[in-house]
């Protein structure tokens, strides 16, 4: 996954769009006076606050399991109040979902997504992966699975028609489920497999999936 670092322009634009959508739904109207022209100022505050929380969750995942991370921990790490946290996220899982989305955007932005996936998830960030899925609960596992399926779609689901094909969905769930089981097995057994070999296995699997996904 790597360090997310400062929010880049696409992420900033995403924050703006997300905020605009929530504003249209009325959920944020009580926190600002749109008619006063404060939209941009408030929008930049949102970007800054979310950036702080993104950095906080990644920093904490380098030190402990996600199951042991609390909202108080996130607020202390980001130097924010609990009120500020709950203004933007309903709980730590909501923040995790947002963090995984930004990681997905970072991985998917490169030219070689398979290489990015291999380097970012399988090889370079095993501590983050370990702490994310160590003692994983159903909600966290669901978010990680959604993240994996999004990466799979980006790599192999070239069109909406591809992604809506039941056979493609069988393949995507099979591959993502297998990768998740592998990671859980690695964590449970204190990483018995060499990560360099795991990287090669993942690359071989990716090549096999490419062959499977070609039209018959």
Protein backbone atom coordinates (compact mmCIF):
# COMPACT_ATOMS: atom_id res chain seq x y z
CA UNK A 1 0.00 0.00 0.00
CA UNK A 2 2.79 2.40 0.79
CA UNK A 3 2.47 5.77 2.42
CA UNK A 4 -0.54 7.63 1.21
CA UNK A 5 1.09 10.99 1.93
CA UNK A 6 -0.57 14.26 1.00
CA UNK A 7 -3.87 13.95 -0.83
CA UNK A 8 -3.33 14.32 -4.52
CA UNK A 9 -5.65 16.25 -6.78
CA UNK A 10 -7.87 13.25 -7.71
CA UNK A 11 -8.40 12.48 -4.03
CA UNK A 12 -9.14 16.11 -3.26
CA UNK A 13 -11.67 16.14 -6.09
CA UNK A 14 -13.20 12.97 -4.72
CA UNK A 15 -13.60 14.61 -1.31
CA UNK A 16 -15.30 17.56 -2.93
CA UNK A 17 -17.70 15.35 -4.89
CA UNK A 18 -18.44 13.25 -1.85
CA UNK A 19 -19.14 16.32 0.25
CA UNK A 20 -21.33 17.82 -2.48
CA UNK A 21 -23.35 14.63 -2.66
CA UNK A 22 -23.86 14.53 1.09
CA UNK A 23 -24.78 18.19 1.04
CA UNK A 24 -27.45 17.56 -1.57
CA UNK A 25 -28.86 14.84 0.65
CA UNK A 26 -29.11 17.33 3.49
CA UNK A 27 -26.82 15.48 5.91
CA UNK A 28 -24.24 18.29 6.02
CA UNK A 29 -26.52 21.29 5.56
CA UNK A 30 -26.74 21.89 9.28
CA UNK A 31 -22.95 22.31 9.54
CA UNK A 32 -22.59 25.19 7.13
CA UNK A 33 -24.42 28.07 5.55
CA UNK A 34 -24.17 27.53 1.81
CA UNK A 35 -25.74 30.88 1.03
CA UNK A 36 -22.94 32.66 2.90
CA UNK A 37 -20.34 31.48 0.40
CA UNK A 38 -18.45 29.30 2.91
CA UNK A 39 -18.58 26.15 0.77
CA UNK A 40 -14.97 26.20 -0.45
CA UNK A 41 -13.58 27.06 2.99
CA UNK A 42 -15.52 24.21 4.59
CA UNK A 43 -14.55 21.90 1.75
CA UNK A 44 -10.83 22.51 2.34
CA UNK A 45 -11.31 21.81 6.03
CA UNK A 46 -12.84 18.46 5.13
CA UNK A 47 -9.88 17.59 2.91
CA UNK A 48 -7.43 18.50 5.69
CA UNK A 49 -9.33 16.59 8.38
CA UNK A 50 -9.70 13.49 6.23
CA UNK A 51 -6.04 13.63 5.28
CA UNK A 52 -5.14 13.66 8.99
CA UNK A 53 -7.36 10.67 9.68
CA UNK A 54 -6.03 8.75 6.67
CA UNK A 55 -2.49 9.27 7.94
CA UNK A 56 -3.59 8.31 11.44
CA UNK A 57 -5.15 4.98 10.50
CA UNK A 58 -2.13 4.01 8.42
CA UNK A 59 0.28 4.98 11.19
CA UNK A 60 -1.68 2.95 13.75
CA UNK A 61 -1.86 -0.08 11.46
CA UNK A 62 1.92 -0.09 11.38
CA UNK A 63 1.93 -0.55 15.16
CA UNK A 64 -1.08 -2.67 16.08
CA UNK A 65 -3.97 -4.78 14.84
CA UNK A 66 -7.01 -2.98 13.53
CA UNK A 67 -9.15 -4.82 16.05
CA UNK A 68 -7.26 -2.95 18.80
CA UNK A 69 -7.57 0.47 17.16
CA UNK A 70 -10.25 2.69 18.70
CA UNK A 71 -11.78 5.99 17.68
CA UNK A 72 -9.94 7.59 20.60
CA UNK A 73 -6.65 6.24 19.22
CA UNK A 74 -7.42 7.68 15.80
CA UNK A 75 -8.31 11.07 17.26
CA UNK A 76 -5.16 11.21 19.38
CA UNK A 77 -2.98 10.24 16.41
CA UNK A 78 -4.65 12.81 14.14
CA UNK A 79 -4.78 15.50 16.87
CA UNK A 80 -8.53 15.84 16.36
CA UNK A 81 -11.52 15.78 18.67
CA UNK A 82 -14.07 12.96 18.69
CA UNK A 83 -16.63 15.48 17.47
CA UNK A 84 -14.45 16.18 14.43
CA UNK A 85 -14.11 12.46 13.75
CA UNK A 86 -17.85 11.80 13.91
CA UNK A 87 -18.52 14.79 11.67
CA UNK A 88 -16.87 12.85 8.85
CA UNK A 89 -17.16 9.15 9.73
CA UNK A 90 -19.74 7.14 11.62
CA UNK A 91 -17.16 4.72 13.10
CA UNK A 92 -13.70 3.27 12.55
CA UNK A 93 -15.03 0.91 9.87
CA UNK A 94 -16.34 3.85 7.87
CA UNK A 95 -12.87 5.40 8.00
CA UNK A 96 -11.29 2.07 7.04
CA UNK A 97 -13.58 1.90 4.01
CA UNK A 98 -12.51 5.42 2.97
CA UNK A 99 -8.83 4.57 3.51
CA UNK A 100 -9.09 1.41 1.39
CA UNK A 101 -10.76 3.48 -1.34
CA UNK A 102 -7.83 5.92 -1.41
CA UNK A 103 -5.37 3.01 -1.48
CA UNK A 104 -7.32 1.52 -4.40
CA UNK A 105 -7.12 4.83 -6.28
CA UNK A 106 -3.38 4.97 -5.67
CA UNK A 107 -2.80 1.42 -6.91
CA UNK A 108 -5.14 1.78 -9.88
CA UNK A 109 -3.54 5.03 -11.05
CA UNK A 110 -0.42 3.33 -12.42
CA UNK A 111 0.06 1.81 -15.84
CA UNK A 112 0.75 -1.74 -14.64
CA UNK A 113 -1.93 -2.49 -12.07
CA UNK A 114 -0.88 -6.12 -11.57
CA UNK A 115 2.65 -5.03 -10.71
CA UNK A 116 1.25 -2.34 -8.43
CA UNK A 117 -0.94 -4.87 -6.64
CA UNK A 118 1.96 -7.28 -6.23
CA UNK A 119 4.37 -4.66 -4.90
CA UNK A 120 1.88 -2.77 -2.74
CA UNK A 121 -0.08 -5.60 -1.15
CA UNK A 122 1.86 -8.83 -1.38
CA UNK A 123 5.43 -7.66 -0.95
CA UNK A 124 6.07 -4.18 0.45
CA UNK A 125 3.41 -3.75 3.13
CA UNK A 126 3.08 -7.04 4.95
CA UNK A 127 3.00 -5.32 8.36
CA UNK A 128 -0.07 -3.29 7.36
CA UNK A 129 -1.70 -6.37 5.88
CA UNK A 130 -0.94 -8.42 8.98
CA UNK A 131 -2.35 -5.82 11.35
CA UNK A 132 -5.40 -5.25 9.19
CA UNK A 133 -6.50 -8.88 9.08
CA UNK A 134 -5.10 -10.17 12.39
CA UNK A 135 -8.14 -11.33 14.36
CA UNK A 136 -10.33 -9.91 11.62
CA UNK A 137 -14.06 -9.54 12.28
CA UNK A 138 -16.83 -9.94 9.70
CA UNK A 139 -17.18 -6.22 9.01
CA UNK A 140 -13.47 -5.70 8.39
CA UNK A 141 -13.30 -8.83 6.26
CA UNK A 142 -16.22 -7.58 4.18
CA UNK A 143 -14.45 -4.26 3.53
CA UNK A 144 -11.21 -6.02 2.59
CA UNK A 145 -13.12 -8.36 0.26
CA UNK A 146 -14.80 -5.37 -1.41
CA UNK A 147 -11.36 -3.79 -1.83
CA UNK A 148 -10.03 -6.98 -3.40
CA UNK A 149 -12.95 -7.27 -5.81
CA UNK A 150 -12.48 -3.65 -6.87
CA UNK A 151 -8.83 -4.35 -7.66
CA UNK A 152 -9.79 -7.48 -9.57
CA UNK A 153 -12.38 -5.56 -11.59
CA UNK A 154 -9.82 -2.87 -12.39
CA UNK A 155 -7.32 -5.47 -13.58
CA UNK A 156 -9.61 -7.85 -15.45
CA UNK A 157 -13.15 -6.43 -15.77
CA UNK A 158 -12.61 -4.38 -18.89
CA UNK A 159 -16.27 -3.50 -19.46
CA UNK A 160 -19.50 -3.39 -17.47
CA UNK A 161 -20.67 -6.36 -19.53
CA UNK A 162 -17.64 -8.32 -18.31
CA UNK A 163 -18.36 -7.42 -14.69
CA UNK A 164 -22.05 -8.38 -15.00
CA UNK A 165 -21.24 -11.80 -16.46
CA UNK A 166 -22.01 -14.49 -13.82
CA UNK A 167 -19.02 -16.55 -14.99
CA UNK A 168 -16.76 -13.56 -14.44
CA UNK A 169 -18.20 -13.06 -10.95
CA UNK A 170 -17.49 -16.71 -10.12
CA UNK A 171 -13.90 -16.19 -11.22
CA UNK A 172 -13.45 -12.90 -9.34
CA UNK A 173 -14.87 -14.21 -6.07
CA UNK A 174 -12.84 -17.41 -6.39
CA UNK A 175 -9.56 -15.52 -6.89
CA UNK A 176 -10.17 -12.81 -4.30
CA UNK A 177 -11.44 -15.35 -1.77
CA UNK A 178 -8.33 -17.46 -2.35
CA UNK A 179 -6.04 -14.47 -1.81
CA UNK A 180 -7.85 -13.56 1.42
CA UNK A 181 -7.59 -17.12 2.71
CA UNK A 182 -3.89 -17.13 1.87
CA UNK A 183 -3.33 -13.91 3.81
CA UNK A 184 -5.33 -15.18 6.79
CA UNK A 185 -3.38 -18.43 6.76
CA UNK A 186 -0.10 -16.50 6.63
CA UNK A 187 -1.09 -14.41 9.66
CA UNK A 188 -2.42 -17.35 11.67
CA UNK A 189 0.75 -19.35 11.07
CA UNK A 190 3.23 -16.51 11.65
CA UNK A 191 4.09 -16.12 7.98
CA UNK A 192 5.66 -19.50 7.18
CA UNK A 193 5.91 -18.71 3.44
CA UNK A 194 8.64 -16.46 2.06
CA UNK A 195 7.11 -13.25 0.71
CA UNK A 196 9.34 -13.34 -2.35
CA UNK A 197 7.85 -16.73 -3.22
CA UNK A 198 4.37 -15.45 -2.42
CA UNK A 199 4.96 -12.61 -4.86
CA UNK A 200 5.88 -15.11 -7.59
CA UNK A 201 2.82 -17.23 -6.79
CA UNK A 202 0.62 -14.16 -7.11
CA UNK A 203 2.17 -13.24 -10.45
CA UNK A 204 1.69 -16.79 -11.74
CA UNK A 205 -1.92 -16.75 -10.57
CA UNK A 206 -2.47 -13.41 -12.30
CA UNK A 207 -1.19 -14.79 -15.58
CA UNK A 208 -3.50 -17.78 -15.21
CA UNK A 209 -6.48 -15.51 -14.53
CA UNK A 210 -5.66 -13.50 -17.66
CA UNK A 211 -5.84 -16.71 -19.68
CA UNK A 212 -9.12 -17.72 -18.01
CA UNK A 213 -10.65 -14.33 -18.67
CA UNK A 214 -10.01 -14.39 -22.42
CA UNK A 215 -13.10 -15.02 -24.60
CA UNK A 216 -13.50 -18.63 -25.68
